[in-house]
Amino acid sequence: LKALTEGAEDTYAGWMDVPVWYLATTEDRALPF
């Protein structure tokens, strides 16, 4: 659970530094479309 509750010092918005391609999963039940 520490993966989810700690480590803020290492999180970074790298999606601003390089192009991102995103595959949206339209039938997703864990992370809705």
Full PDB file with SEQRES, HELIX, SHEET, SSBOND, CRYST1, ORIGX, SCALE, CONECT and MASTER records, all heavy atoms in Angstrom:
SEQRES   1 A   33  LEU LYS ALA LEU THR GLU GLY ALA GLU ASP THR TYR ALA          
SEQRES   2 A   33  GLY TRP MET ASP VAL PRO VAL TRP TYR LEU ALA THR THR          
SEQRES   3 A   33  GLU ASP ARG ALA LEU PRO PHE                                  
HELIX    1 AA1 LYS A    2  THR A    5  1                                   4    
HELIX    2 AA2 ALA A    8  ASP A   10  5                                   3    
HELIX    3 AA3 GLY A   14  MET A   16  5                                   3    
CRYST1    1.000    1.000    1.000  90.00  90.00  90.00 P 1           1          
ORIGX1      1.000000  0.000000  0.000000        0.00000                         
ORIGX2      0.000000  1.000000  0.000000        0.00000                         
ORIGX3      0.000000  0.000000  1.000000        0.00000                         
SCALE1      1.000000  0.000000  0.000000        0.00000                         
SCALE2      0.000000  1.000000  0.000000        0.00000                         
SCALE3      0.000000  0.000000  1.000000        0.00000                         
ATOM      1  N   LEU A   1       0.829  -1.215   0.000  1.00  0.00           N  
ATOM      2  CA  LEU A   1       0.000   0.000   0.000  1.00  0.00           C  
ATOM      3  C   LEU A   1       0.859   1.260   0.000  1.00  0.00           C  
ATOM      4  O   LEU A   1       0.403   2.333  -0.395  1.00  0.00           O  
ATOM      5  CB  LEU A   1      -0.989  -0.019   1.164  1.00  0.00           C  
ATOM      6  CG  LEU A   1      -0.513   0.029   2.620  1.00  0.00           C  
ATOM      7  CD1 LEU A   1      -0.129   1.429   3.062  1.00  0.00           C  
ATOM      8  CD2 LEU A   1      -1.624  -0.492   3.528  1.00  0.00           C  
ATOM      9  N   LYS A   2       2.141   1.133   0.396  1.00  0.00           N  
ATOM     10  CA  LYS A   2       3.015   2.304   0.375  1.00  0.00           C  
ATOM     11  C   LYS A   2       3.241   2.812  -1.051  1.00  0.00           C  
ATOM     12  O   LYS A   2       3.601   3.977  -1.239  1.00  0.00           O  
ATOM     13  CB  LYS A   2       4.352   1.987   1.038  1.00  0.00           C  
ATOM     14  CG  LYS A   2       4.252   1.866   2.560  1.00  0.00           C  
ATOM     15  CD  LYS A   2       5.620   1.705   3.195  1.00  0.00           C  
ATOM     16  CE  LYS A   2       5.504   1.697   4.723  1.00  0.00           C  
ATOM     17  NZ  LYS A   2       6.835   1.609   5.370  1.00  0.00           N  
ATOM     18  N   ALA A   3       3.051   1.936  -2.034  1.00  0.00           N  
ATOM     19  CA  ALA A   3       3.133   2.383  -3.424  1.00  0.00           C  
ATOM     20  C   ALA A   3       2.109   3.469  -3.708  1.00  0.00           C  
ATOM     21  O   ALA A   3       2.327   4.347  -4.551  1.00  0.00           O  
ATOM     22  CB  ALA A   3       2.905   1.203  -4.367  1.00  0.00           C  
ATOM     23  N   LEU A   4       1.000   3.398  -3.002  1.00  0.00           N  
ATOM     24  CA  LEU A   4      -0.136   4.260  -3.272  1.00  0.00           C  
ATOM     25  C   LEU A   4      -0.220   5.457  -2.327  1.00  0.00           C  
ATOM     26  O   LEU A   4      -0.866   6.454  -2.648  1.00  0.00           O  
ATOM     27  CB  LEU A   4      -1.424   3.438  -3.174  1.00  0.00           C  
ATOM     28  CG  LEU A   4      -1.396   2.108  -3.944  1.00  0.00           C  
ATOM     29  CD1 LEU A   4      -2.643   1.296  -3.647  1.00  0.00           C  
ATOM     30  CD2 LEU A   4      -1.235   2.337  -5.432  1.00  0.00           C  
ATOM     31  N   THR A   5       0.452   5.348  -1.173  1.00  0.00           N  
ATOM     32  CA  THR A   5       0.321   6.390  -0.157  1.00  0.00           C  
ATOM     33  C   THR A   5       1.598   7.167   0.111  1.00  0.00           C  
ATOM     34  O   THR A   5       1.574   8.155   0.852  1.00  0.00           O  
ATOM     35  CB  THR A   5      -0.149   5.775   1.175  1.00  0.00           C  
ATOM     36  OG1 THR A   5       0.822   4.807   1.608  1.00  0.00           O  
ATOM     37  CG2 THR A   5      -1.501   5.093   1.027  1.00  0.00           C  
ATOM     38  N   GLU A   6       2.727   6.733  -0.462  1.00  0.00           N  
ATOM     39  CA  GLU A   6       3.996   7.420  -0.252  1.00  0.00           C  
ATOM     40  C   GLU A   6       4.675   7.689  -1.596  1.00  0.00           C  
ATOM     41  O   GLU A   6       4.217   7.241  -2.640  1.00  0.00           O  
ATOM     42  CB  GLU A   6       4.920   6.587   0.649  1.00  0.00           C  
ATOM     43  CG  GLU A   6       4.372   6.367   2.040  1.00  0.00           C  
ATOM     44  CD  GLU A   6       5.336   5.615   2.949  1.00  0.00           C  
ATOM     45  OE1 GLU A   6       6.528   5.479   2.580  1.00  0.00           O  
ATOM     46  OE2 GLU A   6       4.912   5.170   4.031  1.00  0.00           O  
ATOM     47  N   GLY A   7       5.783   8.425  -1.557  1.00  0.00           N  
ATOM     48  CA  GLY A   7       6.577   8.656  -2.756  1.00  0.00           C  
ATOM     49  C   GLY A   7       6.265   9.937  -3.499  1.00  0.00           C  
ATOM     50  O   GLY A   7       6.665  10.098  -4.655  1.00  0.00           O  
ATOM     51  N   ALA A   8       5.566  10.874  -2.865  1.00  0.00           N  
ATOM     52  CA  ALA A   8       5.204  12.122  -3.546  1.00  0.00           C  
ATOM     53  C   ALA A   8       6.423  12.856  -4.080  1.00  0.00           C  
ATOM     54  O   ALA A   8       6.352  13.535  -5.115  1.00  0.00           O  
ATOM     55  CB  ALA A   8       4.421  13.029  -2.597  1.00  0.00           C  
ATOM     56  N   GLU A   9       7.561  12.691  -3.405  1.00  0.00           N  
ATOM     57  CA  GLU A   9       8.772  13.400  -3.842  1.00  0.00           C  
ATOM     58  C   GLU A   9       9.273  12.923  -5.210  1.00  0.00           C  
ATOM     59  O   GLU A   9      10.054  13.629  -5.870  1.00  0.00           O  
ATOM     60  CB  GLU A   9       9.888  13.238  -2.808  1.00  0.00           C  
ATOM     61  CG  GLU A   9      10.433  11.827  -2.649  1.00  0.00           C  
ATOM     62  CD  GLU A   9       9.622  10.933  -1.720  1.00  0.00           C  
ATOM     63  OE1 GLU A   9       8.505  11.333  -1.329  1.00  0.00           O  
ATOM     64  OE2 GLU A   9      10.109   9.832  -1.384  1.00  0.00           O  
ATOM     65  N   ASP A  10       8.821  11.748  -5.641  1.00  0.00           N  
ATOM     66  CA  ASP A  10       9.268  11.209  -6.929  1.00  0.00           C  
ATOM     67  C   ASP A  10       8.213  11.289  -8.024  1.00  0.00           C  
ATOM     68  O   ASP A  10       8.504  10.945  -9.178  1.00  0.00           O  
ATOM     69  CB  ASP A  10       9.716   9.752  -6.768  1.00  0.00           C  
ATOM     70  CG  ASP A  10      11.065   9.637  -6.076  1.00  0.00           C  
ATOM     71  OD1 ASP A  10      11.942  10.461  -6.389  1.00  0.00           O  
ATOM     72  OD2 ASP A  10      11.235   8.744  -5.233  1.00  0.00           O  
ATOM     73  N   THR A  11       7.007  11.708  -7.703  1.00  0.00           N  
ATOM     74  CA  THR A  11       6.004  11.816  -8.765  1.00  0.00           C  
ATOM     75  C   THR A  11       6.288  13.045  -9.615  1.00  0.00           C  
ATOM     76  O   THR A  11       6.700  14.091  -9.119  1.00  0.00           O  
ATOM     77  CB  THR A  11       4.577  11.894  -8.193  1.00  0.00           C  
ATOM     78  OG1 THR A  11       4.464  13.019  -7.324  1.00  0.00           O  
ATOM     79  CG2 THR A  11       4.226  10.614  -7.441  1.00  0.00           C  
ATOM     80  N   TYR A  12       6.067  12.882 -10.913  1.00  0.00           N  
ATOM     81  CA  TYR A  12       6.453  13.924 -11.860  1.00  0.00           C  
ATOM     82  C   TYR A  12       5.534  13.854 -13.076  1.00  0.00           C  
ATOM     83  O   TYR A  12       5.169  12.760 -13.527  1.00  0.00           O  
ATOM     84  CB  TYR A  12       7.915  13.708 -12.279  1.00  0.00           C  
ATOM     85  CG  TYR A  12       8.422  14.698 -13.303  1.00  0.00           C  
ATOM     86  CD1 TYR A  12       8.680  16.018 -12.960  1.00  0.00           C  
ATOM     87  CD2 TYR A  12       8.654  14.293 -14.625  1.00  0.00           C  
ATOM     88  CE1 TYR A  12       9.148  16.928 -13.903  1.00  0.00           C  
ATOM     89  CE2 TYR A  12       9.123  15.201 -15.565  1.00  0.00           C  
ATOM     90  CZ  TYR A  12       9.367  16.507 -15.206  1.00  0.00           C  
ATOM     91  OH  TYR A  12       9.825  17.398 -16.131  1.00  0.00           O  
ATOM     92  N   ALA A  13       5.183  15.002 -13.604  1.00  0.00           N  
ATOM     93  CA  ALA A  13       4.290  15.062 -14.766  1.00  0.00           C  
ATOM     94  C   ALA A  13       5.095  14.939 -16.062  1.00  0.00           C  
ATOM     95  O   ALA A  13       5.181  15.878 -16.855  1.00  0.00           O  
ATOM     96  CB  ALA A  13       3.484  16.354 -14.740  1.00  0.00           C  
ATOM     97  N   GLY A  14       5.684  13.766 -16.276  1.00  0.00           N  
ATOM     98  CA  GLY A  14       6.484  13.539 -17.463  1.00  0.00           C  
ATOM     99  C   GLY A  14       5.691  13.613 -18.749  1.00  0.00           C  
ATOM    100  O   GLY A  14       6.267  13.756 -19.836  1.00  0.00           O  
ATOM    101  N   TRP A  15       4.368  13.548 -18.629  1.00  0.00           N  
ATOM    102  CA  TRP A  15       3.503  13.674 -19.800  1.00  0.00           C  
ATOM    103  C   TRP A  15       3.541  15.071 -20.417  1.00  0.00           C  
ATOM    104  O   TRP A  15       3.019  15.279 -21.515  1.00  0.00           O  
ATOM    105  CB  TRP A  15       2.065  13.290 -19.444  1.00  0.00           C  
ATOM    106  CG  TRP A  15       1.553  13.826 -18.146  1.00  0.00           C  
ATOM    107  CD1 TRP A  15       1.611  13.222 -16.930  1.00  0.00           C  
ATOM    108  CD2 TRP A  15       0.890  15.068 -17.927  1.00  0.00           C  
ATOM    109  NE1 TRP A  15       1.037  14.014 -15.960  1.00  0.00           N  
ATOM    110  CE2 TRP A  15       0.573  15.148 -16.542  1.00  0.00           C  
ATOM    111  CE3 TRP A  15       0.517  16.123 -18.766  1.00  0.00           C  
ATOM    112  CZ2 TRP A  15      -0.081  16.244 -15.984  1.00  0.00           C  
ATOM    113  CZ3 TRP A  15      -0.138  17.229 -18.209  1.00  0.00           C  
ATOM    114  CH2 TRP A  15      -0.423  17.270 -16.831  1.00  0.00           C  
ATOM    115  N   MET A  16       4.197  15.996 -19.738  1.00  0.00           N  
ATOM    116  CA  MET A  16       4.392  17.327 -20.328  1.00  0.00           C  
ATOM    117  C   MET A  16       5.702  17.426 -21.107  1.00  0.00           C  
ATOM    118  O   MET A  16       5.918  18.393 -21.834  1.00  0.00           O  
ATOM    119  CB  MET A  16       4.377  18.390 -19.224  1.00  0.00           C  
ATOM    120  CG  MET A  16       3.003  18.678 -18.644  1.00  0.00           C  
ATOM    121  SD  MET A  16       1.886  19.451 -19.857  1.00  0.00           S  
ATOM    122  CE  MET A  16       2.652  21.067 -20.056  1.00  0.00           C  
ATOM    123  N   ASP A  17       6.577  16.438 -20.970  1.00  0.00           N  
ATOM    124  CA  ASP A  17       7.919  16.527 -21.545  1.00  0.00           C  
ATOM    125  C   ASP A  17       8.066  15.836 -22.890  1.00  0.00           C  
ATOM    126  O   ASP A  17       8.999  16.149 -23.646  1.00  0.00           O  
ATOM    127  CB  ASP A  17       8.944  15.936 -20.574  1.00  0.00           C  
ATOM    128  CG  ASP A  17       9.115  16.769 -19.324  1.00  0.00           C  
ATOM    129  OD1 ASP A  17       8.541  17.872 -19.253  1.00  0.00           O  
ATOM    130  OD2 ASP A  17       9.826  16.316 -18.404  1.00  0.00           O  
ATOM    131  N   VAL A  18       7.215  14.862 -23.181  1.00  0.00           N  
ATOM    132  CA  VAL A  18       7.296  14.104 -24.435  1.00  0.00           C  
ATOM    133  C   VAL A  18       5.888  13.878 -24.977  1.00  0.00           C  
ATOM    134  O   VAL A  18       4.905  13.976 -24.231  1.00  0.00           O  
ATOM    135  CB  VAL A  18       7.981  12.731 -24.232  1.00  0.00           C  
ATOM    136  CG1 VAL A  18       9.465  12.883 -23.979  1.00  0.00           C  
ATOM    137  CG2 VAL A  18       7.304  11.945 -23.120  1.00  0.00           C  
ATOM    138  N   PRO A  19       5.773  13.550 -26.253  1.00  0.00           N  
ATOM    139  CA  PRO A  19       4.447  13.211 -26.781  1.00  0.00           C  
ATOM    140  C   PRO A  19       3.889  11.964 -26.106  1.00  0.00           C  
ATOM    141  O   PRO A  19       4.627  11.037 -25.773  1.00  0.00           O  
ATOM    142  CB  PRO A  19       4.716  12.944 -28.267  1.00  0.00           C  
ATOM    143  CG  PRO A  19       6.046  13.513 -28.556  1.00  0.00           C  
ATOM    144  CD  PRO A  19       6.823  13.484 -27.281  1.00  0.00           C  
ATOM    145  N   VAL A  20       2.590  11.965 -25.912  1.00  0.00           N  
ATOM    146  CA  VAL A  20       1.885  10.826 -25.317  1.00  0.00           C  
ATOM    147  C   VAL A  20       0.838  10.318 -26.306  1.00  0.00           C  
ATOM    148  O   VAL A  20       0.076  11.111 -26.878  1.00  0.00           O  
ATOM    149  CB  VAL A  20       1.193  11.231 -23.999  1.00  0.00           C  
ATOM    150  CG1 VAL A  20       0.379  10.069 -23.444  1.00  0.00           C  
ATOM    151  CG2 VAL A  20       2.210  11.716 -22.981  1.00  0.00           C  
ATOM    152  N   TRP A  21       0.825   9.004 -26.491  1.00  0.00           N  
ATOM    153  CA  TRP A  21      -0.291   8.364 -27.179  1.00  0.00           C  
ATOM    154  C   TRP A  21      -1.077   7.594 -26.135  1.00  0.00           C  
ATOM    155  O   TRP A  21      -0.491   6.877 -25.307  1.00  0.00           O  
ATOM    156  CB  TRP A  21       0.209   7.437 -28.288  1.00  0.00           C  
ATOM    157  CG  TRP A  21       0.454   8.168 -29.578  1.00  0.00           C  
ATOM    158  CD1 TRP A  21       1.184   9.310 -29.746  1.00  0.00           C  
ATOM    159  CD2 TRP A  21      -0.040   7.807 -30.879  1.00  0.00           C  
ATOM    160  NE1 TRP A  21       1.186   9.692 -31.065  1.00  0.00           N  
ATOM    161  CE2 TRP A  21       0.446   8.785 -31.792  1.00  0.00           C  
ATOM    162  CE3 TRP A  21      -0.818   6.761 -31.362  1.00  0.00           C  
ATOM    163  CZ2 TRP A  21       0.163   8.733 -33.149  1.00  0.00           C  
ATOM    164  CZ3 TRP A  21      -1.094   6.715 -32.724  1.00  0.00           C  
ATOM    165  CH2 TRP A  21      -0.614   7.692 -33.600  1.00  0.00           C  
ATOM    166  N   TYR A  22      -2.387   7.768 -26.177  1.00  0.00           N  
ATOM    167  CA  TYR A  22      -3.260   7.190 -25.143  1.00  0.00           C  
ATOM    168  C   TYR A  22      -4.274   6.248 -25.772  1.00  0.00           C  
ATOM    169  O   TYR A  22      -5.003   6.634 -26.700  1.00  0.00           O  
ATOM    170  CB  TYR A  22      -3.988   8.312 -24.392  1.00  0.00           C  
ATOM    171  CG  TYR A  22      -4.753   7.834 -23.192  1.00  0.00           C  
ATOM    172  CD1 TYR A  22      -4.113   7.646 -21.976  1.00  0.00           C  
ATOM    173  CD2 TYR A  22      -6.117   7.553 -23.272  1.00  0.00           C  
ATOM    174  CE1 TYR A  22      -4.814   7.200 -20.864  1.00  0.00           C  
ATOM    175  CE2 TYR A  22      -6.817   7.114 -22.165  1.00  0.00           C  
ATOM    176  CZ  TYR A  22      -6.164   6.933 -20.965  1.00  0.00           C  
ATOM    177  OH  TYR A  22      -6.865   6.487 -19.873  1.00  0.00           O  
ATOM    178  N   LEU A  23      -4.328   5.021 -25.254  1.00  0.00           N  
ATOM    179  CA  LEU A  23      -5.303   4.041 -25.706  1.00  0.00           C  
ATOM    180  C   LEU A  23      -6.431   3.976 -24.681  1.00  0.00           C  
ATOM    181  O   LEU A  23      -6.262   3.453 -23.575  1.00  0.00           O  
ATOM    182  CB  LEU A  23      -4.651   2.660 -25.868  1.00  0.00           C  
ATOM    183  CG  LEU A  23      -5.539   1.562 -26.461  1.00  0.00           C  
ATOM    184  CD1 LEU A  23      -5.979   1.920 -27.887  1.00  0.00           C  
ATOM    185  CD2 LEU A  23      -4.809   0.220 -26.456  1.00  0.00           C  
ATOM    186  N   ALA A  24      -7.579   4.549 -25.040  1.00  0.00           N  
ATOM    187  CA  ALA A  24      -8.737   4.580 -24.143  1.00  0.00           C  
ATOM    188  C   ALA A  24      -9.523   3.281 -24.276  1.00  0.00           C  
ATOM    189  O   ALA A  24      -9.848   2.843 -25.386  1.00  0.00           O  
ATOM    190  CB  ALA A  24      -9.625   5.767 -24.487  1.00  0.00           C  
ATOM    191  N   THR A  25      -9.823   2.659 -23.149  1.00  0.00           N  
ATOM    192  CA  THR A  25     -10.526   1.375 -23.112  1.00  0.00           C  
ATOM    193  C   THR A  25     -12.009   1.635 -22.839  1.00  0.00           C  
ATOM    194  O   THR A  25     -12.398   1.961 -21.715  1.00  0.00           O  
ATOM    195  CB  THR A  25      -9.907   0.480 -22.033  1.00  0.00           C  
ATOM    196  OG1 THR A  25      -9.672   1.254 -20.835  1.00  0.00           O  
ATOM    197  CG2 THR A  25      -8.564  -0.068 -22.494  1.00  0.00           C  
ATOM    198  N   THR A  26     -12.823   1.475 -23.874  1.00  0.00           N  
ATOM    199  CA  THR A  26     -14.206   1.967 -23.814  1.00  0.00           C  
ATOM    200  C   THR A  26     -15.119   1.128 -22.928  1.00  0.00           C  
ATOM    201  O   THR A  26     -16.167   1.606 -22.508  1.00  0.00           O  
ATOM    202  CB  THR A  26     -14.807   2.043 -25.230  1.00  0.00           C  
ATOM    203  OG1 THR A  26     -14.845   0.729 -25.806  1.00  0.00           O  
ATOM    204  CG2 THR A  26     -13.995   2.969 -26.116  1.00  0.00           C  
ATOM    205  N   GLU A  27     -14.728  -0.137 -22.639  1.00  0.00           N  
ATOM    206  CA  GLU A  27     -15.570  -1.007 -21.811  1.00  0.00           C  
ATOM    207  C   GLU A  27     -14.965  -1.225 -20.429  1.00  0.00           C  
ATOM    208  O   GLU A  27     -15.267  -2.217 -19.771  1.00  0.00           O  
ATOM    209  CB  GLU A  27     -15.767  -2.358 -22.525  1.00  0.00           C  
ATOM    210  CG  GLU A  27     -16.294  -2.256 -23.949  1.00  0.00           C  
ATOM    211  CD  GLU A  27     -17.626  -1.536 -24.015  1.00  0.00           C  
ATOM    212  OE1 GLU A  27     -18.507  -1.823 -23.182  1.00  0.00           O  
ATOM    213  OE2 GLU A  27     -17.779  -0.658 -24.897  1.00  0.00           O  
ATOM    214  N   ASP A  28     -14.135  -0.320 -19.993  1.00  0.00           N  
ATOM    215  CA  ASP A  28     -13.373  -0.465 -18.752  1.00  0.00           C  
ATOM    216  C   ASP A  28     -14.284  -0.365 -17.528  1.00  0.00           C  
ATOM    217  O   ASP A  28     -15.056   0.586 -17.400  1.00  0.00           O  
ATOM    218  CB  ASP A  28     -12.296   0.624 -18.697  1.00  0.00           C  
ATOM    219  CG  ASP A  28     -11.138   0.283 -17.790  1.00  0.00           C  
ATOM    220  OD1 ASP A  28     -11.382  -0.230 -16.688  1.00  0.00           O  
ATOM    221  OD2 ASP A  28      -9.998   0.536 -18.191  1.00  0.00           O  
ATOM    222  N   ARG A  29     -14.170  -1.330 -16.617  1.00  0.00           N  
ATOM    223  CA  ARG A  29     -14.930  -1.302 -15.367  1.00  0.00           C  
ATOM    224  C   ARG A  29     -14.086  -0.847 -14.179  1.00  0.00           C  
ATOM    225  O   ARG A  29     -14.631  -0.533 -13.117  1.00  0.00           O  
ATOM    226  CB  ARG A  29     -15.527  -2.684 -15.085  1.00  0.00           C  
ATOM    227  CG  ARG A  29     -16.561  -3.114 -16.119  1.00  0.00           C  
ATOM    228  CD  ARG A  29     -17.117  -4.493 -15.804  1.00  0.00           C  
ATOM    229  NE  ARG A  29     -18.090  -4.917 -16.827  1.00  0.00           N  
ATOM    230  CZ  ARG A  29     -18.684  -6.118 -16.853  1.00  0.00           C  
ATOM    231  NH1 ARG A  29     -18.393  -7.010 -15.911  1.00  0.00           N  
ATOM    232  NH2 ARG A  29     -19.542  -6.408 -17.812  1.00  0.00           N  
ATOM    233  N   ALA A  30     -12.756  -0.832 -14.330  1.00  0.00           N  
ATOM    234  CA  ALA A  30     -11.883  -0.375 -13.248  1.00  0.00           C  
ATOM    235  C   ALA A  30     -11.637   1.124 -13.330  1.00  0.00           C  
ATOM    236  O   ALA A  30     -11.619   1.820 -12.310  1.00  0.00           O  
ATOM    237  CB  ALA A  30     -10.552  -1.131 -13.292  1.00  0.00           C  
ATOM    238  N   LEU A  31     -11.443   1.626 -14.545  1.00  0.00           N  
ATOM    239  CA  LEU A  31     -11.281   3.061 -14.776  1.00  0.00           C  
ATOM    240  C   LEU A  31     -12.222   3.429 -15.911  1.00  0.00           C  
ATOM    241  O   LEU A  31     -11.869   3.323 -17.083  1.00  0.00           O  
ATOM    242  CB  LEU A  31      -9.831   3.393 -15.155  1.00  0.00           C  
ATOM    243  CG  LEU A  31      -9.518   4.884 -15.324  1.00  0.00           C  
ATOM    244  CD1 LEU A  31      -9.669   5.620 -13.995  1.00  0.00           C  
ATOM    245  CD2 LEU A  31      -8.109   5.082 -15.875  1.00  0.00           C  
ATOM    246  N   PRO A  32     -13.434   3.835 -15.584  1.00  0.00           N  
ATOM    247  CA  PRO A  32     -14.459   4.060 -16.623  1.00  0.00           C  
ATOM    248  C   PRO A  32     -13.997   4.998 -17.727  1.00  0.00           C  
ATOM    249  O   PRO A  32     -13.194   5.912 -17.498  1.00  0.00           O  
ATOM    250  CB  PRO A  32     -15.629   4.656 -15.831  1.00  0.00           C  
ATOM    251  CG  PRO A  32     -15.443   4.125 -14.439  1.00  0.00           C  
ATOM    252  CD  PRO A  32     -13.956   4.068 -14.227  1.00  0.00           C  
ATOM    253  N   PHE A  33     -14.508   4.746 -18.910  1.00  0.00           N  
ATOM    254  CA  PHE A  33     -14.151   5.517 -20.102  1.00  0.00           C  
ATOM    255  C   PHE A  33     -14.325   7.011 -19.866  1.00  0.00           C  
ATOM    256  O   PHE A  33     -13.499   7.827 -20.303  1.00  0.00           O  
ATOM    257  CB  PHE A  33     -15.012   5.035 -21.272  1.00  0.00           C  
ATOM    258  CG  PHE A  33     -14.760   5.745 -22.571  1.00  0.00           C  
ATOM    259  CD1 PHE A  33     -13.504   5.740 -23.157  1.00  0.00           C  
ATOM    260  CD2 PHE A  33     -15.791   6.412 -23.217  1.00  0.00           C  
ATOM    261  CE1 PHE A  33     -13.272   6.390 -24.362  1.00  0.00           C  
ATOM    262  CE2 PHE A  33     -15.573   7.059 -24.427  1.00  0.00           C  
ATOM    263  CZ  PHE A  33     -14.313   7.050 -24.998  1.00  0.00           C  
TER     264      PHE A  33                                                      
MASTER        0    0    0    3    0    0    0    6  263    1    0    3          
END                                                                             
